[in-house]
C-alpha atoms as a PDB file:
ATOM      1  CA  MET A   1      -4.626  15.187 -21.471  1.00  0.00           C
ATOM      2  CA  VAL A   2      -6.137  13.374 -24.438  1.00  0.00           C
ATOM      3  CA  ILE A   3      -3.964  10.962 -26.333  1.00  0.00           C
ATOM      4  CA  LEU A   4      -5.374   9.278 -29.407  1.00  0.00           C
ATOM      5  CA  GLY A   5      -4.124   5.846 -30.372  1.00  0.00           C
ATOM      6  CA  GLY A   6      -1.881   3.556 -28.392  1.00  0.00           C
ATOM      7  CA  SER A   7      -2.492   2.319 -24.914  1.00  0.00           C
ATOM      8  CA  MET A   8      -2.105   4.218 -21.685  1.00  0.00           C
ATOM      9  CA  HIS A   9       0.155   2.862 -18.967  1.00  0.00           C
ATOM     10  CA  SER A  10       0.584   3.725 -15.337  1.00  0.00           C
ATOM     11  CA  TRP A  11       3.903   5.460 -14.587  1.00  0.00           C
ATOM     12  CA  LYS A  12       5.509   6.110 -11.203  1.00  0.00           C
ATOM     13  CA  LEU A  13       7.431   9.367 -11.227  1.00  0.00           C
ATOM     14  CA  TYR A  14      10.497   9.860  -9.061  1.00  0.00           C
ATOM     15  CA  SER A  15      12.220  13.214  -8.703  1.00  0.00           C
ATOM     16  CA  VAL A  16      14.844  15.106  -6.770  1.00  0.00           C
ATOM     17  CA  ASN A  17      13.512  18.609  -6.032  1.00  0.00           C
ATOM     18  CA  GLY A  18      11.291  18.315  -9.120  1.00  0.00           C
ATOM     19  CA  LYS A  19      14.340  18.643 -11.389  1.00  0.00           C
ATOM     20  CA  SER A  20      15.822  15.233 -12.124  1.00  0.00           C
ATOM     21  CA  ILE A  21      12.765  13.173 -13.076  1.00  0.00           C
ATOM     22  CA  VAL A  22      12.578   9.433 -13.780  1.00  0.00           C
ATOM     23  CA  ALA A  23       9.400   7.679 -14.943  1.00  0.00           C
ATOM     24  CA  LEU A  24       9.074   3.936 -14.305  1.00  0.00           C
ATOM     25  CA  LYS A  25       6.244   1.963 -15.871  1.00  0.00           C
ATOM     26  CA  GLU A  26       4.271  -0.223 -13.502  1.00  0.00           C
ATOM     27  CA  GLY A  27       4.253  -3.833 -14.645  1.00  0.00           C
ATOM     28  CA  MET A  28       6.438  -5.890 -16.954  1.00  0.00           C
ATOM     29  CA  ASN A  29       9.816  -4.571 -18.122  1.00  0.00           C
ATOM     30  CA  TRP A  30      10.566  -6.403 -21.353  1.00  0.00           C
ATOM     31  CA  PHE A  31      14.183  -5.214 -21.562  1.00  0.00           C
ATOM     32  CA  ALA A  32      14.854  -6.755 -18.145  1.00  0.00           C
ATOM     33  CA  PHE A  33      13.009  -9.932 -19.202  1.00  0.00           C
ATOM     34  CA  PHE A  34      15.275 -10.427 -22.233  1.00  0.00           C
ATOM     35  CA  PHE A  35      18.554  -9.019 -20.886  1.00  0.00           C
ATOM     36  CA  GLY A  36      18.314  -9.793 -17.124  1.00  0.00           C
ATOM     37  CA  GLY A  37      21.704  -9.319 -15.517  1.00  0.00           C
ATOM     38  CA  ALA A  38      23.002  -7.004 -18.252  1.00  0.00           C
ATOM     39  CA  TRP A  39      19.943  -4.764 -17.807  1.00  0.00           C
ATOM     40  CA  ALA A  40      20.557  -4.686 -14.040  1.00  0.00           C
ATOM     41  CA  PHE A  41      24.230  -3.718 -14.456  1.00  0.00           C
ATOM     42  CA  PHE A  42      23.251  -0.987 -16.931  1.00  0.00           C
ATOM     43  CA  HIS A  43      20.968   0.520 -14.276  1.00  0.00           C
ATOM     44  CA  ARG A  44      23.626   0.120 -11.555  1.00  0.00           C
ATOM     45  CA  LEU A  45      21.749  -2.623  -9.749  1.00  0.00           C
ATOM     46  CA  TYR A  46      24.944  -4.557  -9.127  1.00  0.00           C
ATOM     47  CA  TRP A  47      23.583  -7.238  -6.807  1.00  0.00           C
ATOM     48  CA  GLN A  48      20.755  -8.152  -9.203  1.00  0.00           C
ATOM     49  CA  GLY A  49      23.191  -7.995 -12.115  1.00  0.00           C
ATOM     50  CA  ALA A  50      25.661 -10.387 -10.490  1.00  0.00           C
ATOM     51  CA  VAL A  51      22.896 -12.849  -9.596  1.00  0.00           C
ATOM     52  CA  GLY A  52      21.482 -12.618 -13.136  1.00  0.00           C
ATOM     53  CA  VAL A  53      24.831 -13.323 -14.788  1.00  0.00           C
ATOM     54  CA  LEU A  54      25.560 -16.187 -12.383  1.00  0.00           C
ATOM     55  CA  LEU A  55      22.139 -17.738 -13.038  1.00  0.00           C
ATOM     56  CA  ALA A  56      22.614 -17.362 -16.803  1.00  0.00           C
ATOM     57  CA  ILE A  57      25.927 -19.234 -16.606  1.00  0.00           C
ATOM     58  CA  LEU A  58      24.459 -21.985 -14.412  1.00  0.00           C
ATOM     59  CA  LEU A  59      21.361 -22.373 -16.582  1.00  0.00           C
ATOM     60  CA  ASN A  60      23.475 -22.537 -19.726  1.00  0.00           C
ATOM     61  CA  GLY A  61      25.328 -25.539 -18.314  1.00  0.00           C
ATOM     62  CA  PHE A  62      22.075 -27.042 -17.056  1.00  0.00           C
ATOM     63  CA  LEU A  63      20.557 -26.896 -20.563  1.00  0.00           C
ATOM     64  CA  GLU A  64      23.023 -29.545 -21.783  1.00  0.00           C
ATOM     65  CA  PHE A  65      21.746 -32.136 -19.298  1.00  0.00           C
ATOM     66  CA  HIS A  66      18.044 -31.244 -18.958  1.00  0.00           C
ATOM     67  CA  PRO A  67      16.974 -29.067 -21.909  1.00  0.00           C
ATOM     68  CA  PHE A  68      13.277 -28.799 -21.002  1.00  0.00           C
ATOM     69  CA  LEU A  69      13.834 -28.126 -17.309  1.00  0.00           C
ATOM     70  CA  GLY A  70      16.585 -25.639 -18.188  1.00  0.00           C
ATOM     71  CA  LEU A  71      14.196 -23.807 -20.501  1.00  0.00           C
ATOM     72  CA  VAL A  72      11.488 -23.666 -17.822  1.00  0.00           C
ATOM     73  CA  LEU A  73      13.943 -22.386 -15.199  1.00  0.00           C
ATOM     74  CA  GLY A  74      15.314 -19.840 -17.671  1.00  0.00           C
ATOM     75  CA  LEU A  75      11.815 -18.515 -18.354  1.00  0.00           C
ATOM     76  CA  LEU A  76      11.156 -18.360 -14.616  1.00  0.00           C
ATOM     77  CA  VAL A  77      14.312 -16.316 -13.980  1.00  0.00           C
ATOM     78  CA  SER A  78      13.527 -14.033 -16.937  1.00  0.00           C
ATOM     79  CA  SER A  79       9.986 -13.523 -15.655  1.00  0.00           C
ATOM     80  CA  ILE A  80      11.262 -12.587 -12.198  1.00  0.00           C
ATOM     81  CA  TYR A  81      13.584  -9.992 -13.735  1.00  0.00           C
ATOM     82  CA  GLY A  82      10.825  -8.690 -15.994  1.00  0.00           C
ATOM     83  CA  PHE A  83       8.255  -8.288 -13.227  1.00  0.00           C
ATOM     84  CA  TYR A  84      10.564  -6.990 -10.479  1.00  0.00           C
ATOM     85  CA  ALA A  85      12.909  -4.788 -12.538  1.00  0.00           C
ATOM     86  CA  ASN A  86      11.052  -1.519 -12.055  1.00  0.00           C
ATOM     87  CA  VAL A  87      10.447  -2.291  -8.369  1.00  0.00           C
ATOM     88  CA  TRP A  88      14.188  -2.789  -7.863  1.00  0.00           C
ATOM     89  CA  ARG A  89      14.966   0.362  -9.814  1.00  0.00           C
ATOM     90  CA  GLY A  90      12.407   2.368  -7.817  1.00  0.00           C
ATOM     91  CA  LYS A  91      13.950   1.231  -4.528  1.00  0.00           C
ATOM     92  CA  SER A  92      17.387   2.173  -5.839  1.00  0.00           C
ATOM     93  CA  LEU A  93      16.153   5.662  -6.752  1.00  0.00           C
ATOM     94  CA  LEU A  94      14.640   6.113  -3.277  1.00  0.00           C
ATOM     95  CA  LYS A  95      18.005   5.214  -1.702  1.00  0.00           C
ATOM     96  CA  LYS A  96      19.639   7.884  -3.890  1.00  0.00           C
ATOM     97  CA  GLY A  97      17.336  10.568  -2.512  1.00  0.00           C
ATOM     98  CA  TYR A  98      14.580  10.533  -5.104  1.00  0.00           C
ATOM     99  CA  VAL A  99      10.975  10.878  -3.969  1.00  0.00           C
ATOM    100  CA  ASN A 100       8.030   9.012  -5.497  1.00  0.00           C
ATOM    101  CA  ASP A 101       5.911  12.094  -6.125  1.00  0.00           C
ATOM    102  CA  GLN A 102       3.180  10.977  -8.441  1.00  0.00           C
ATOM    103  CA  THR A 103       1.648   8.117 -10.372  1.00  0.00           C
ATOM    104  CA  LEU A 104       0.198   9.123 -13.736  1.00  0.00           C
ATOM    105  CA  ARG A 105      -1.374   7.436 -16.735  1.00  0.00           C
ATOM    106  CA  ALA A 106       0.320   8.252 -20.028  1.00  0.00           C
ATOM    107  CA  LYS A 107       1.240   6.701 -23.357  1.00  0.00           C
ATOM    108  CA  SER A 108       5.018   6.922 -22.808  1.00  0.00           C
ATOM    109  CA  SER A 109       7.549   7.854 -20.145  1.00  0.00           C
ATOM    110  CA  ARG A 110       8.188  11.083 -22.009  1.00  0.00           C
ATOM    111  CA  ASP A 111       4.479  11.999 -21.917  1.00  0.00           C
ATOM    112  CA  ALA A 112       4.350  11.135 -18.204  1.00  0.00           C
ATOM    113  CA  ILE A 113       7.316  13.417 -17.468  1.00  0.00           C
ATOM    114  CA  VAL A 114       5.797  16.279 -19.499  1.00  0.00           C
ATOM    115  CA  GLU A 115       2.480  15.890 -17.648  1.00  0.00           C
ATOM    116  CA  TYR A 116       4.307  15.754 -14.300  1.00  0.00           C
ATOM    117  CA  LYS A 117       6.207  18.970 -15.087  1.00  0.00           C
ATOM    118  CA  ARG A 118       2.939  20.646 -16.077  1.00  0.00           C
ATOM    119  CA  ILE A 119       1.362  19.619 -12.759  1.00  0.00           C
ATOM    120  CA  VAL A 120       4.381  20.719 -10.697  1.00  0.00           C
ATOM    121  CA  GLU A 121       4.594  24.072 -12.501  1.00  0.00           C
ATOM    122  CA  GLY A 122       0.857  24.581 -11.951  1.00  0.00           C
ATOM    123  CA  LEU A 123       1.298  23.940  -8.238  1.00  0.00           C
ATOM    124  CA  SER A 124       4.272  26.313  -8.081  1.00  0.00           C
ATOM    125  CA  ILE A 125       2.338  29.097  -9.802  1.00  0.00           C
ATOM    126  CA  GLY A 126      -0.649  28.552  -7.514  1.00  0.00           C
ATOM    127  CA  ARG A 127       1.534  28.830  -4.403  1.00  0.00           C
ATOM    128  CA  GLY A 128       3.209  32.036  -5.531  1.00  0.00           C
ATOM    129  CA  PHE A 129       6.696  30.596  -6.071  1.00  0.00           C
END
């Protein structure tokens, strides 16, 4: 697959029987970096969401007494959420019965899913299904 323009990313593809497909980008998740606990709750990662909201409340109070240290700790927490978000989501999908079938390079999650479907359909045709 040739894609002109833009950068290619590595995507882990999770599926249930090849039908319900989720593509998770390897690396930083900027939505999780900026929205932490809210992002986690949106993706039904309740434990990470509760911890994120609790830390946000604590750090908000901490900022009044030590602004610089509060900022550094806030960036640290945001970075942890950004870097681990897709790992947490992948583990959650595995617990729900998804299988990590494939890792592909593509420009977007949509392109990765289309490529995955093309590969799976090619395998099905080759096996006589």
